[in-house]
C-alpha atoms as a PDB file:
ATOM      1  CA  UNK A   1       0.013   0.011   0.012  1.00  0.00           C
ATOM      2  CA  UNK A   2       2.723   2.449   0.938  1.00  0.00           C
ATOM      3  CA  UNK A   3       4.554   1.893  -2.348  1.00  0.00           C
ATOM      4  CA  UNK A   4       1.412   2.594  -4.359  1.00  0.00           C
ATOM      5  CA  UNK A   5       0.655   5.727  -2.368  1.00  0.00           C
ATOM      6  CA  UNK A   6       4.252   6.919  -2.869  1.00  0.00           C
ATOM      7  CA  UNK A   7       3.898   6.433  -6.602  1.00  0.00           C
ATOM      8  CA  UNK A   8       0.629   8.364  -6.515  1.00  0.00           C
ATOM      9  CA  UNK A   9       2.303  11.204  -4.628  1.00  0.00           C
ATOM     10  CA  UNK A  10       5.157  11.319  -7.166  1.00  0.00           C
ATOM     11  CA  UNK A  11       2.601  11.550  -9.959  1.00  0.00           C
ATOM     12  CA  UNK A  12       0.814  14.435  -8.184  1.00  0.00           C
ATOM     13  CA  UNK A  13       4.137  16.273  -7.658  1.00  0.00           C
ATOM     14  CA  UNK A  14       4.921  15.822 -11.352  1.00  0.00           C
ATOM     15  CA  UNK A  15       1.533  17.297 -12.311  1.00  0.00           C
ATOM     16  CA  UNK A  16       2.075  20.215  -9.946  1.00  0.00           C
ATOM     17  CA  UNK A  17       5.498  20.916 -11.487  1.00  0.00           C
ATOM     18  CA  UNK A  18       3.933  20.882 -14.972  1.00  0.00           C
ATOM     19  CA  UNK A  19       1.234  23.286 -13.778  1.00  0.00           C
ATOM     20  CA  UNK A  20       3.878  25.619 -12.347  1.00  0.00           C
ATOM     21  CA  UNK A  21       5.750  25.551 -15.666  1.00  0.00           C
ATOM     22  CA  UNK A  22       2.536  26.306 -17.578  1.00  0.00           C
ATOM     23  CA  UNK A  23       1.449  29.037 -15.172  1.00  0.00           C
ATOM     24  CA  UNK A  24       4.539  30.489 -13.515  1.00  0.00           C
ATOM     25  CA  UNK A  25       2.637  33.665 -12.507  1.00  0.00           C
ATOM     26  CA  UNK A  26       0.280  31.774 -10.195  1.00  0.00           C
ATOM     27  CA  UNK A  27       2.216  29.088  -8.244  1.00  0.00           C
ATOM     28  CA  UNK A  28      -0.376  26.879  -6.444  1.00  0.00           C
ATOM     29  CA  UNK A  29       1.194  27.359  -3.033  1.00  0.00           C
ATOM     30  CA  UNK A  30      -2.199  27.615  -1.318  1.00  0.00           C
ATOM     31  CA  UNK A  31      -3.282  24.363  -3.000  1.00  0.00           C
ATOM     32  CA  UNK A  32      -0.136  22.618  -1.758  1.00  0.00           C
ATOM     33  CA  UNK A  33      -0.793  23.893   1.751  1.00  0.00           C
ATOM     34  CA  UNK A  34      -4.382  22.620   1.612  1.00  0.00           C
ATOM     35  CA  UNK A  35      -3.201  19.233   0.349  1.00  0.00           C
ATOM     36  CA  UNK A  36      -0.683  18.976   3.224  1.00  0.00           C
ATOM     37  CA  UNK A  37      -3.362  19.788   5.791  1.00  0.00           C
ATOM     38  CA  UNK A  38      -5.789  17.268   4.317  1.00  0.00           C
ATOM     39  CA  UNK A  39      -2.981  14.644   4.238  1.00  0.00           C
ATOM     40  CA  UNK A  40      -2.280  15.232   7.960  1.00  0.00           C
ATOM     41  CA  UNK A  41      -5.990  14.810   8.733  1.00  0.00           C
ATOM     42  CA  UNK A  42      -6.181  11.570   6.749  1.00  0.00           C
ATOM     43  CA  UNK A  43      -3.122  10.259   8.564  1.00  0.00           C
ATOM     44  CA  UNK A  44      -4.715  11.111  11.904  1.00  0.00           C
ATOM     45  CA  UNK A  45      -7.908   9.247  10.922  1.00  0.00           C
ATOM     46  CA  UNK A  46      -5.911   6.238   9.781  1.00  0.00           C
ATOM     47  CA  UNK A  47      -3.954   6.042  13.036  1.00  0.00           C
ATOM     48  CA  UNK A  48      -7.186   6.391  15.046  1.00  0.00           C
ATOM     49  CA  UNK A  49      -8.818   3.568  13.099  1.00  0.00           C
ATOM     50  CA  UNK A  50      -5.731   1.381  13.462  1.00  0.00           C
ATOM     51  CA  UNK A  51      -5.527   1.960  17.209  1.00  0.00           C
ATOM     52  CA  UNK A  52      -9.209   1.087  17.575  1.00  0.00           C
ATOM     53  CA  UNK A  53      -8.758  -2.079  15.530  1.00  0.00           C
ATOM     54  CA  UNK A  54      -5.682  -3.185  17.476  1.00  0.00           C
ATOM     55  CA  UNK A  55      -7.354  -2.490  20.804  1.00  0.00           C
ATOM     56  CA  UNK A  56     -10.391  -4.523  19.733  1.00  0.00           C
ATOM     57  CA  UNK A  57      -8.152  -7.393  18.574  1.00  0.00           C
ATOM     58  CA  UNK A  58      -6.153  -7.239  21.819  1.00  0.00           C
END
């Protein structure tokens, strides 16, 4: 799973770089910041779900 997600992230970074080359006047810094925040929230949810699952199994 992690390898696939890493590949997906690399693809997104490549798309962002192409967008920056096409539109150098408007770098999508706010979009990157929003993506980072959403990623942190998703990671928090995943860890919460995992801890619940492990506690139930234990």
